[in-house]
Amino acid sequence: MEQERSERGRGYGRPFPPKPVEIGKEYDVEVQETSRRGEGIARIEGLVTFIPNTKPGDRVRIRITRISRRFAEAEKV
């Protein structure tokens, strides 16, 4: 039982699906909204991506710098 639990993670909730992005890869996105911290937000296949120094309506090329469980962070290229 113990080994079975460790293979599934912490044993609660459902596992997070694989992310549609990879660290270091570049993507063309359109910023859709602004976060509470003032960063632009774009979605890549549903994954929320935070991009500093952008605003809604910007079409930018980004590079992924960090991937978290529920979001990613990127920088403008």
PDB file of N, CA and C in Angstrom:
ATOM      1  N   MET A   1       0.829  -1.199   0.000  1.00  0.00           N
ATOM      2  CA  MET A   1       0.000   0.000   0.000  1.00  0.00           C
ATOM      3  C   MET A   1       0.862   1.247   0.000  1.00  0.00           C
ATOM      4  N   GLU A   2       1.907   1.257   0.796  1.00  0.00           N
ATOM      5  CA  GLU A   2       2.760   2.447   0.893  1.00  0.00           C
ATOM      6  C   GLU A   2       3.413   2.771  -0.447  1.00  0.00           C
ATOM      7  N   GLN A   3       3.911   1.753  -1.130  1.00  0.00           N
ATOM      8  CA  GLN A   3       4.544   1.982  -2.423  1.00  0.00           C
ATOM      9  C   GLN A   3       3.523   2.493  -3.431  1.00  0.00           C
ATOM     10  N   GLU A   4       2.328   1.961  -3.388  1.00  0.00           N
ATOM     11  CA  GLU A   4       1.273   2.385  -4.303  1.00  0.00           C
ATOM     12  C   GLU A   4       0.968   3.867  -4.116  1.00  0.00           C
ATOM     13  N   ARG A   5       0.920   4.337  -2.898  1.00  0.00           N
ATOM     14  CA  ARG A   5       0.633   5.742  -2.606  1.00  0.00           C
ATOM     15  C   ARG A   5       1.744   6.639  -3.142  1.00  0.00           C
ATOM     16  N   SER A   6       3.007   6.272  -2.954  1.00  0.00           N
ATOM     17  CA  SER A   6       4.106   7.124  -3.397  1.00  0.00           C
ATOM     18  C   SER A   6       4.167   7.237  -4.917  1.00  0.00           C
ATOM     19  N   GLU A   7       3.719   6.208  -5.629  1.00  0.00           N
ATOM     20  CA  GLU A   7       3.720   6.273  -7.082  1.00  0.00           C
ATOM     21  C   GLU A   7       2.695   7.262  -7.604  1.00  0.00           C
ATOM     22  N   ARG A   8       1.635   7.486  -6.868  1.00  0.00           N
ATOM     23  CA  ARG A   8       0.583   8.396  -7.313  1.00  0.00           C
ATOM     24  C   ARG A   8       0.793   9.809  -6.799  1.00  0.00           C
ATOM     25  N   GLY A   9       1.797  10.061  -6.036  1.00  0.00           N
ATOM     26  CA  GLY A   9       2.005  11.392  -5.481  1.00  0.00           C
ATOM     27  C   GLY A   9       1.717  11.375  -3.996  1.00  0.00           C
ATOM     28  N   ARG A  10       1.020  12.361  -3.516  1.00  0.00           N
ATOM     29  CA  ARG A  10       0.761  12.477  -2.085  1.00  0.00           C
ATOM     30  C   ARG A  10      -0.469  11.716  -1.636  1.00  0.00           C
ATOM     31  N   GLY A  11      -1.181  11.131  -2.577  1.00  0.00           N
ATOM     32  CA  GLY A  11      -2.301  10.311  -2.184  1.00  0.00           C
ATOM     33  C   GLY A  11      -3.628  11.036  -2.128  1.00  0.00           C
ATOM     34  N   TYR A  12      -3.697  12.287  -2.560  1.00  0.00           N
ATOM     35  CA  TYR A  12      -4.978  12.981  -2.569  1.00  0.00           C
ATOM     36  C   TYR A  12      -5.118  13.788  -3.852  1.00  0.00           C
ATOM     37  N   GLY A  13      -6.329  14.068  -4.212  1.00  0.00           N
ATOM     38  CA  GLY A  13      -6.594  14.851  -5.422  1.00  0.00           C
ATOM     39  C   GLY A  13      -6.233  14.074  -6.669  1.00  0.00           C
ATOM     40  N   ARG A  14      -6.368  14.750  -7.785  1.00  0.00           N
ATOM     41  CA  ARG A  14      -5.992  14.103  -9.039  1.00  0.00           C
ATOM     42  C   ARG A  14      -4.663  14.662  -9.513  1.00  0.00           C
ATOM     43  N   PRO A  15      -3.896  13.876 -10.220  1.00  0.00           N
ATOM     44  CA  PRO A  15      -2.591  14.358 -10.673  1.00  0.00           C
ATOM     45  C   PRO A  15      -2.754  15.448 -11.730  1.00  0.00           C
ATOM     46  N   PHE A  16      -1.783  16.337 -11.803  1.00  0.00           N
ATOM     47  CA  PHE A  16      -1.816  17.396 -12.805  1.00  0.00           C
ATOM     48  C   PHE A  16      -1.379  16.816 -14.138  1.00  0.00           C
ATOM     49  N   PRO A  17      -2.053  17.172 -15.215  1.00  0.00           N
ATOM     50  CA  PRO A  17      -1.678  16.652 -16.536  1.00  0.00           C
ATOM     51  C   PRO A  17      -0.343  17.235 -16.982  1.00  0.00           C
ATOM     52  N   PRO A  18       0.298  16.662 -17.982  1.00  0.00           N
ATOM     53  CA  PRO A  18       1.546  17.219 -18.484  1.00  0.00           C
ATOM     54  C   PRO A  18       1.336  18.644 -18.988  1.00  0.00           C
ATOM     55  N   LYS A  19       2.326  19.464 -18.820  1.00  0.00           N
ATOM     56  CA  LYS A  19       2.217  20.863 -19.221  1.00  0.00           C
ATOM     57  C   LYS A  19       2.401  21.012 -20.736  1.00  0.00           C
ATOM     58  N   PRO A  20       1.688  21.960 -21.358  1.00  0.00           N
ATOM     59  CA  PRO A  20       1.806  22.169 -22.808  1.00  0.00           C
ATOM     60  C   PRO A  20       3.012  23.017 -23.200  1.00  0.00           C
ATOM     61  N   VAL A  21       3.856  23.386 -22.232  1.00  0.00           N
ATOM     62  CA  VAL A  21       5.035  24.216 -22.505  1.00  0.00           C
ATOM     63  C   VAL A  21       6.276  23.568 -21.900  1.00  0.00           C
ATOM     64  N   GLU A  22       7.449  24.032 -22.337  1.00  0.00           N
ATOM     65  CA  GLU A  22       8.719  23.557 -21.780  1.00  0.00           C
ATOM     66  C   GLU A  22       9.601  24.754 -21.473  1.00  0.00           C
ATOM     67  N   ILE A  23      10.388  24.648 -20.421  1.00  0.00           N
ATOM     68  CA  ILE A  23      11.308  25.722 -20.050  1.00  0.00           C
ATOM     69  C   ILE A  23      12.303  25.941 -21.178  1.00  0.00           C
ATOM     70  N   GLY A  24      12.510  27.217 -21.532  1.00  0.00           N
ATOM     71  CA  GLY A  24      13.466  27.573 -22.573  1.00  0.00           C
ATOM     72  C   GLY A  24      12.871  27.664 -23.970  1.00  0.00           C
ATOM     73  N   LYS A  25      11.691  27.096 -24.181  1.00  0.00           N
ATOM     74  CA  LYS A  25      11.068  27.158 -25.508  1.00  0.00           C
ATOM     75  C   LYS A  25      10.378  28.502 -25.700  1.00  0.00           C
ATOM     76  N   GLU A  26      10.252  28.912 -26.969  1.00  0.00           N
ATOM     77  CA  GLU A  26       9.634  30.195 -27.304  1.00  0.00           C
ATOM     78  C   GLU A  26       8.266  29.973 -27.926  1.00  0.00           C
ATOM     79  N   TYR A  27       7.349  30.908 -27.633  1.00  0.00           N
ATOM     80  CA  TYR A  27       5.979  30.840 -28.128  1.00  0.00           C
ATOM     81  C   TYR A  27       5.524  32.238 -28.520  1.00  0.00           C
ATOM     82  N   ASP A  28       4.642  32.323 -29.522  1.00  0.00           N
ATOM     83  CA  ASP A  28       3.991  33.578 -29.891  1.00  0.00           C
ATOM     84  C   ASP A  28       2.624  33.588 -29.222  1.00  0.00           C
ATOM     85  N   VAL A  29       2.356  34.630 -28.429  1.00  0.00           N
ATOM     86  CA  VAL A  29       1.101  34.692 -27.681  1.00  0.00           C
ATOM     87  C   VAL A  29       0.494  36.086 -27.758  1.00  0.00           C
ATOM     88  N   GLU A  30      -0.788  36.158 -27.408  1.00  0.00           N
ATOM     89  CA  GLU A  30      -1.455  37.446 -27.252  1.00  0.00           C
ATOM     90  C   GLU A  30      -1.834  37.596 -25.788  1.00  0.00           C
ATOM     91  N   VAL A  31      -1.441  38.716 -25.193  1.00  0.00           N
ATOM     92  CA  VAL A  31      -1.749  38.973 -23.786  1.00  0.00           C
ATOM     93  C   VAL A  31      -3.238  39.311 -23.695  1.00  0.00           C
ATOM     94  N   GLN A  32      -3.948  38.624 -22.790  1.00  0.00           N
ATOM     95  CA  GLN A  32      -5.395  38.762 -22.695  1.00  0.00           C
ATOM     96  C   GLN A  32      -5.866  39.621 -21.533  1.00  0.00           C
ATOM     97  N   GLU A  33      -5.104  39.617 -20.442  1.00  0.00           N
ATOM     98  CA  GLU A  33      -5.522  40.384 -19.266  1.00  0.00           C
ATOM     99  C   GLU A  33      -4.312  40.722 -18.409  1.00  0.00           C
ATOM    100  N   THR A  34      -4.570  41.450 -17.301  1.00  0.00           N
ATOM    101  CA  THR A  34      -3.500  41.863 -16.402  1.00  0.00           C
ATOM    102  C   THR A  34      -3.706  41.222 -15.037  1.00  0.00           C
ATOM    103  N   SER A  35      -2.603  40.742 -14.451  1.00  0.00           N
ATOM    104  CA  SER A  35      -2.683  40.122 -13.123  1.00  0.00           C
ATOM    105  C   SER A  35      -2.740  41.200 -12.045  1.00  0.00           C
ATOM    106  N   ARG A  36      -2.975  40.784 -10.826  1.00  0.00           N
ATOM    107  CA  ARG A  36      -2.996  41.724  -9.695  1.00  0.00           C
ATOM    108  C   ARG A  36      -1.637  42.383  -9.486  1.00  0.00           C
ATOM    109  N   ARG A  37      -0.578  41.696  -9.906  1.00  0.00           N
ATOM    110  CA  ARG A  37       0.780  42.237  -9.760  1.00  0.00           C
ATOM    111  C   ARG A  37       1.178  43.113 -10.943  1.00  0.00           C
ATOM    112  N   GLY A  38       0.279  43.239 -11.932  1.00  0.00           N
ATOM    113  CA  GLY A  38       0.546  44.096 -13.081  1.00  0.00           C
ATOM    114  C   GLY A  38       1.196  43.393 -14.256  1.00  0.00           C
ATOM    115  N   GLU A  39       1.359  42.088 -14.174  1.00  0.00           N
ATOM    116  CA  GLU A  39       1.943  41.330 -15.283  1.00  0.00           C
ATOM    117  C   GLU A  39       0.857  40.980 -16.291  1.00  0.00           C
ATOM    118  N   GLY A  40       1.255  40.826 -17.553  1.00  0.00           N
ATOM    119  CA  GLY A  40       0.317  40.380 -18.564  1.00  0.00           C
ATOM    120  C   GLY A  40       0.048  38.895 -18.394  1.00  0.00           C
ATOM    121  N   ILE A  41      -1.160  38.471 -18.765  1.00  0.00           N
ATOM    122  CA  ILE A  41      -1.531  37.056 -18.693  1.00  0.00           C
ATOM    123  C   ILE A  41      -1.912  36.581 -20.083  1.00  0.00           C
ATOM    124  N   ALA A  42      -1.283  35.497 -20.510  1.00  0.00           N
ATOM    125  CA  ALA A  42      -1.647  34.825 -21.756  1.00  0.00           C
ATOM    126  C   ALA A  42      -1.917  33.368 -21.402  1.00  0.00           C
ATOM    127  N   ARG A  43      -2.658  32.686 -22.249  1.00  0.00           N
ATOM    128  CA  ARG A  43      -2.919  31.264 -22.026  1.00  0.00           C
ATOM    129  C   ARG A  43      -2.369  30.467 -23.197  1.00  0.00           C
ATOM    130  N   ILE A  44      -1.608  29.433 -22.875  1.00  0.00           N
ATOM    131  CA  ILE A  44      -1.063  28.531 -23.886  1.00  0.00           C
ATOM    132  C   ILE A  44      -1.725  27.178 -23.655  1.00  0.00           C
ATOM    133  N   GLU A  45      -2.618  26.818 -24.564  1.00  0.00           N
ATOM    134  CA  GLU A  45      -3.403  25.581 -24.420  1.00  0.00           C
ATOM    135  C   GLU A  45      -4.037  25.490 -23.031  1.00  0.00           C
ATOM    136  N   GLY A  46      -4.543  26.616 -22.532  1.00  0.00           N
ATOM    137  CA  GLY A  46      -5.224  26.658 -21.251  1.00  0.00           C
ATOM    138  C   GLY A  46      -4.330  26.934 -20.055  1.00  0.00           C
ATOM    139  N   LEU A  47      -3.020  26.830 -20.206  1.00  0.00           N
ATOM    140  CA  LEU A  47      -2.100  27.080 -19.085  1.00  0.00           C
ATOM    141  C   LEU A  47      -1.862  28.585 -18.943  1.00  0.00           C
ATOM    142  N   VAL A  48      -2.186  29.129 -17.777  1.00  0.00           N
ATOM    143  CA  VAL A  48      -1.977  30.548 -17.511  1.00  0.00           C
ATOM    144  C   VAL A  48      -0.477  30.840 -17.506  1.00  0.00           C
ATOM    145  N   THR A  49      -0.084  31.883 -18.230  1.00  0.00           N
ATOM    146  CA  THR A  49       1.324  32.255 -18.332  1.00  0.00           C
ATOM    147  C   THR A  49       1.465  33.732 -18.001  1.00  0.00           C
ATOM    148  N   PHE A  50       2.296  34.054 -17.008  1.00  0.00           N
ATOM    149  CA  PHE A  50       2.518  35.429 -16.585  1.00  0.00           C
ATOM    150  C   PHE A  50       3.726  36.005 -17.321  1.00  0.00           C
ATOM    151  N   ILE A  51       3.547  37.230 -17.874  1.00  0.00           N
ATOM    152  CA  ILE A  51       4.611  37.867 -18.652  1.00  0.00           C
ATOM    153  C   ILE A  51       4.771  39.309 -18.178  1.00  0.00           C
ATOM    154  N   PRO A  52       5.888  39.645 -17.511  1.00  0.00           N
ATOM    155  CA  PRO A  52       6.096  41.015 -17.044  1.00  0.00           C
ATOM    156  C   PRO A  52       6.229  41.995 -18.210  1.00  0.00           C
ATOM    157  N   ASN A  53       5.922  43.247 -17.930  1.00  0.00           N
ATOM    158  CA  ASN A  53       6.086  44.367 -18.878  1.00  0.00           C
ATOM    159  C   ASN A  53       5.256  44.200 -20.148  1.00  0.00           C
ATOM    160  N   THR A  54       4.072  43.615 -20.022  1.00  0.00           N
ATOM    161  CA  THR A  54       3.153  43.514 -21.147  1.00  0.00           C
ATOM    162  C   THR A  54       1.766  43.960 -20.694  1.00  0.00           C
ATOM    163  N   LYS A  55       0.898  44.242 -21.650  1.00  0.00           N
ATOM    164  CA  LYS A  55      -0.461  44.659 -21.331  1.00  0.00           C
ATOM    165  C   LYS A  55      -1.435  43.975 -22.278  1.00  0.00           C
ATOM    166  N   PRO A  56      -2.721  43.944 -21.934  1.00  0.00           N
ATOM    167  CA  PRO A  56      -3.703  43.292 -22.801  1.00  0.00           C
ATOM    168  C   PRO A  56      -3.650  43.841 -24.230  1.00  0.00           C
ATOM    169  N   GLY A  57      -3.721  42.933 -25.188  1.00  0.00           N
ATOM    170  CA  GLY A  57      -3.669  43.310 -26.595  1.00  0.00           C
ATOM    171  C   GLY A  57      -2.295  43.163 -27.218  1.00  0.00           C
ATOM    172  N   ASP A  58      -1.255  43.092 -26.396  1.00  0.00           N
ATOM    173  CA  ASP A  58       0.108  42.908 -26.923  1.00  0.00           C
ATOM    174  C   ASP A  58       0.247  41.522 -27.532  1.00  0.00           C
ATOM    175  N   ARG A  59       0.832  41.455 -28.729  1.00  0.00           N
ATOM    176  CA  ARG A  59       1.208  40.169 -29.335  1.00  0.00           C
ATOM    177  C   ARG A  59       2.722  40.097 -29.219  1.00  0.00           C
ATOM    178  N   VAL A  60       3.197  39.131 -28.443  1.00  0.00           N
ATOM    179  CA  VAL A  60       4.635  39.063 -28.151  1.00  0.00           C
ATOM    180  C   VAL A  60       5.165  37.640 -28.314  1.00  0.00           C
ATOM    181  N   ARG A  61       6.463  37.557 -28.523  1.00  0.00           N
ATOM    182  CA  ARG A  61       7.164  36.265 -28.507  1.00  0.00           C
ATOM    183  C   ARG A  61       7.781  36.143 -27.119  1.00  0.00           C
ATOM    184  N   ILE A  62       7.544  35.000 -26.481  1.00  0.00           N
ATOM    185  CA  ILE A  62       8.015  34.802 -25.109  1.00  0.00           C
ATOM    186  C   ILE A  62       8.878  33.557 -25.001  1.00  0.00           C
ATOM    187  N   ARG A  63       9.678  33.508 -23.934  1.00  0.00           N
ATOM    188  CA  ARG A  63      10.466  32.322 -23.589  1.00  0.00           C
ATOM    189  C   ARG A  63      10.054  31.912 -22.178  1.00  0.00           C
ATOM    190  N   ILE A  64       9.707  30.654 -22.001  1.00  0.00           N
ATOM    191  CA  ILE A  64       9.270  30.144 -20.697  1.00  0.00           C
ATOM    192  C   ILE A  64      10.474  30.075 -19.754  1.00  0.00           C
ATOM    193  N   THR A  65      10.330  30.669 -18.560  1.00  0.00           N
ATOM    194  CA  THR A  65      11.424  30.689 -17.589  1.00  0.00           C
ATOM    195  C   THR A  65      11.144  29.825 -16.357  1.00  0.00           C
ATOM    196  N   ARG A  66       9.858  29.554 -16.083  1.00  0.00           N
ATOM    197  CA  ARG A  66       9.506  28.767 -14.897  1.00  0.00           C
ATOM    198  C   ARG A  66       8.155  28.111 -15.138  1.00  0.00           C
ATOM    199  N   ILE A  67       8.024  26.864 -14.696  1.00  0.00           N
ATOM    200  CA  ILE A  67       6.751  26.164 -14.786  1.00  0.00           C
ATOM    201  C   ILE A  67       6.368  25.692 -13.389  1.00  0.00           C
ATOM    202  N   SER A  68       5.152  26.054 -12.995  1.00  0.00           N
ATOM    203  CA  SER A  68       4.628  25.648 -11.700  1.00  0.00           C
ATOM    204  C   SER A  68       3.483  24.668 -11.932  1.00  0.00           C
ATOM    205  N   ARG A  69       2.860  24.204 -10.873  1.00  0.00           N
ATOM    206  CA  ARG A  69       1.755  23.250 -11.025  1.00  0.00           C
ATOM    207  C   ARG A  69       0.609  23.817 -11.846  1.00  0.00           C
ATOM    208  N   ARG A  70       0.275  25.087 -11.622  1.00  0.00           N
ATOM    209  CA  ARG A  70      -0.920  25.660 -12.245  1.00  0.00           C
ATOM    210  C   ARG A  70      -0.648  26.817 -13.189  1.00  0.00           C
ATOM    211  N   PHE A  71       0.590  27.235 -13.307  1.00  0.00           N
ATOM    212  CA  PHE A  71       0.896  28.358 -14.188  1.00  0.00           C
ATOM    213  C   PHE A  71       2.343  28.294 -14.641  1.00  0.00           C
ATOM    214  N   ALA A  72       2.677  29.181 -15.585  1.00  0.00           N
ATOM    215  CA  ALA A  72       4.065  29.316 -16.043  1.00  0.00           C
ATOM    216  C   ALA A  72       4.431  30.781 -15.996  1.00  0.00           C
ATOM    217  N   GLU A  73       5.732  31.068 -15.981  1.00  0.00           N
ATOM    218  CA  GLU A  73       6.227  32.439 -16.057  1.00  0.00           C
ATOM    219  C   GLU A  73       7.138  32.518 -17.274  1.00  0.00           C
ATOM    220  N   ALA A  74       7.131  33.686 -17.920  1.00  0.00           N
ATOM    221  CA  ALA A  74       7.907  33.851 -19.143  1.00  0.00           C
ATOM    222  C   ALA A  74       8.478  35.256 -19.213  1.00  0.00           C
ATOM    223  N   GLU A  75       9.382  35.451 -20.180  1.00  0.00           N
ATOM    224  CA  GLU A  75       9.941  36.771 -20.444  1.00  0.00           C
ATOM    225  C   GLU A  75       9.778  37.077 -21.929  1.00  0.00           C
ATOM    226  N   LYS A  76       9.673  38.378 -22.230  1.00  0.00           N
ATOM    227  CA  LYS A  76       9.602  38.769 -23.630  1.00  0.00           C
ATOM    228  C   LYS A  76      10.939  38.522 -24.294  1.00  0.00           C
ATOM    229  N   VAL A  77      10.899  38.120 -25.566  1.00  0.00           N
ATOM    230  CA  VAL A  77      12.141  37.880 -26.317  1.00  0.00           C
ATOM    231  C   VAL A  77      12.416  39.079 -27.191  1.00  0.00           C
TER     232      VAL A  77
END
